[in-house]
Amino acid sequence: MSQTGVNDRWKEALDRQLERLQECQEEQKVRSCLACPKILECSIRTEYVNAVYESMNKGQGGGFEF
C-alpha cells in the first residue's frame, strides 16, 4: 500500500470518529465533551481520542512526543 493510502486510512477513521462525536454533542446539546455529564464513561469520546492518537502516529505505537 502506498504511503498516501495509509494516510488516507488514518484520516478516514479520524473523520468517522469526529462525525460520531459531533453527532453525540448535538444530541447532548453541548458544544464540548467537557460540558457533558457522561464524559468519564463515554465510549464515543474514548474512540475519538484513540483515533486522534492513531492518526498522529499512523499506527506505529509509542507515546505522545511534543
C-alpha atoms as a PDB file:
ATOM      1  CA  MET A   1       0.000   0.000   0.000  1.00  0.00           C
ATOM      2  CA  SER A   2       1.295   3.440  -0.839  1.00  0.00           C
ATOM      3  CA  GLN A   3       2.092   5.992   1.856  1.00  0.00           C
ATOM      4  CA  THR A   4      -0.863   8.083   0.621  1.00  0.00           C
ATOM      5  CA  GLY A   5      -3.194   5.100   1.038  1.00  0.00           C
ATOM      6  CA  VAL A   6      -2.008   4.601   4.604  1.00  0.00           C
ATOM      7  CA  ASN A   7      -2.506   8.281   5.396  1.00  0.00           C
ATOM      8  CA  ASP A   8      -5.983   8.173   3.859  1.00  0.00           C
ATOM      9  CA  ARG A   9      -6.918   5.206   6.054  1.00  0.00           C
ATOM     10  CA  TRP A  10      -5.999   7.060   9.251  1.00  0.00           C
ATOM     11  CA  LYS A  11      -7.698  10.263   8.083  1.00  0.00           C
ATOM     12  CA  GLU A  12     -10.886   8.408   7.147  1.00  0.00           C
ATOM     13  CA  ALA A  13     -11.001   6.695  10.539  1.00  0.00           C
ATOM     14  CA  LEU A  14     -10.461  10.029  12.291  1.00  0.00           C
ATOM     15  CA  ASP A  15     -13.135  11.719  10.174  1.00  0.00           C
ATOM     16  CA  ARG A  16     -15.660   8.971  11.029  1.00  0.00           C
ATOM     17  CA  GLN A  17     -14.964   9.293  14.742  1.00  0.00           C
ATOM     18  CA  LEU A  18     -15.176  13.093  14.595  1.00  0.00           C
ATOM     19  CA  GLU A  19     -18.575  12.836  12.915  1.00  0.00           C
ATOM     20  CA  ARG A  20     -19.821  10.447  15.622  1.00  0.00           C
ATOM     21  CA  LEU A  21     -18.503  12.777  18.333  1.00  0.00           C
ATOM     22  CA  GLN A  22     -20.188  15.826  16.824  1.00  0.00           C
ATOM     23  CA  GLU A  23     -23.489  13.950  16.471  1.00  0.00           C
ATOM     24  CA  CYS A  24     -23.284  12.972  20.127  1.00  0.00           C
ATOM     25  CA  GLN A  25     -22.558  16.558  21.178  1.00  0.00           C
ATOM     26  CA  GLU A  26     -25.626  17.704  19.229  1.00  0.00           C
ATOM     27  CA  GLU A  27     -27.768  15.019  20.890  1.00  0.00           C
ATOM     28  CA  GLN A  28     -26.477  16.005  24.334  1.00  0.00           C
ATOM     29  CA  LYS A  29     -26.859  19.711  23.470  1.00  0.00           C
ATOM     30  CA  VAL A  30     -23.250  20.529  24.411  1.00  0.00           C
ATOM     31  CA  ARG A  31     -20.536  22.282  22.446  1.00  0.00           C
ATOM     32  CA  SER A  32     -17.735  20.371  24.161  1.00  0.00           C
ATOM     33  CA  CYS A  33     -17.355  16.959  25.756  1.00  0.00           C
ATOM     34  CA  LEU A  34     -16.084  18.734  28.861  1.00  0.00           C
ATOM     35  CA  ALA A  35     -19.609  20.093  29.402  1.00  0.00           C
ATOM     36  CA  CYS A  36     -21.185  16.640  29.138  1.00  0.00           C
ATOM     37  CA  PRO A  37     -22.068  14.758  32.340  1.00  0.00           C
ATOM     38  CA  LYS A  38     -21.223  11.447  30.589  1.00  0.00           C
ATOM     39  CA  ILE A  39     -17.618  12.398  29.789  1.00  0.00           C
ATOM     40  CA  LEU A  40     -15.964   9.898  32.126  1.00  0.00           C
ATOM     41  CA  GLU A  41     -17.795   6.861  30.749  1.00  0.00           C
ATOM     42  CA  CYS A  42     -18.204   7.958  27.124  1.00  0.00           C
ATOM     43  CA  SER A  43     -17.039   5.331  24.637  1.00  0.00           C
ATOM     44  CA  ILE A  44     -17.546   7.717  21.696  1.00  0.00           C
ATOM     45  CA  ARG A  45     -15.083  10.227  23.149  1.00  0.00           C
ATOM     46  CA  THR A  46     -12.612   7.462  24.014  1.00  0.00           C
ATOM     47  CA  GLU A  47     -12.773   6.113  20.456  1.00  0.00           C
ATOM     48  CA  TYR A  48     -12.274   9.638  19.085  1.00  0.00           C
ATOM     49  CA  VAL A  49      -9.232  10.241  21.297  1.00  0.00           C
ATOM     50  CA  ASN A  50      -7.801   6.892  20.163  1.00  0.00           C
ATOM     51  CA  ALA A  51      -8.422   7.796  16.506  1.00  0.00           C
ATOM     52  CA  VAL A  52      -6.608  11.123  17.005  1.00  0.00           C
ATOM     53  CA  TYR A  53      -3.667   9.335  18.595  1.00  0.00           C
ATOM     54  CA  GLU A  54      -3.544   6.699  15.845  1.00  0.00           C
ATOM     55  CA  SER A  55      -3.729   9.341  13.116  1.00  0.00           C
ATOM     56  CA  MET A  56      -0.807  11.162  14.728  1.00  0.00           C
ATOM     57  CA  ASN A  57       1.454   8.106  14.848  1.00  0.00           C
ATOM     58  CA  LYS A  58      -0.022   6.268  11.840  1.00  0.00           C
ATOM     59  CA  GLY A  59      -0.366   3.074  13.872  1.00  0.00           C
ATOM     60  CA  GLN A  60       3.289   2.939  14.902  1.00  0.00           C
ATOM     61  CA  GLY A  61       2.538   2.890  18.642  1.00  0.00           C
ATOM     62  CA  GLY A  62       4.680   4.641  21.190  1.00  0.00           C
ATOM     63  CA  GLY A  63       3.859   7.625  23.358  1.00  0.00           C
ATOM     64  CA  PHE A  64       2.970  11.200  22.698  1.00  0.00           C
ATOM     65  CA  GLU A  65       6.042  13.262  21.884  1.00  0.00           C
ATOM     66  CA  PHE A  66       5.842  17.039  21.838  1.00  0.00           C
END
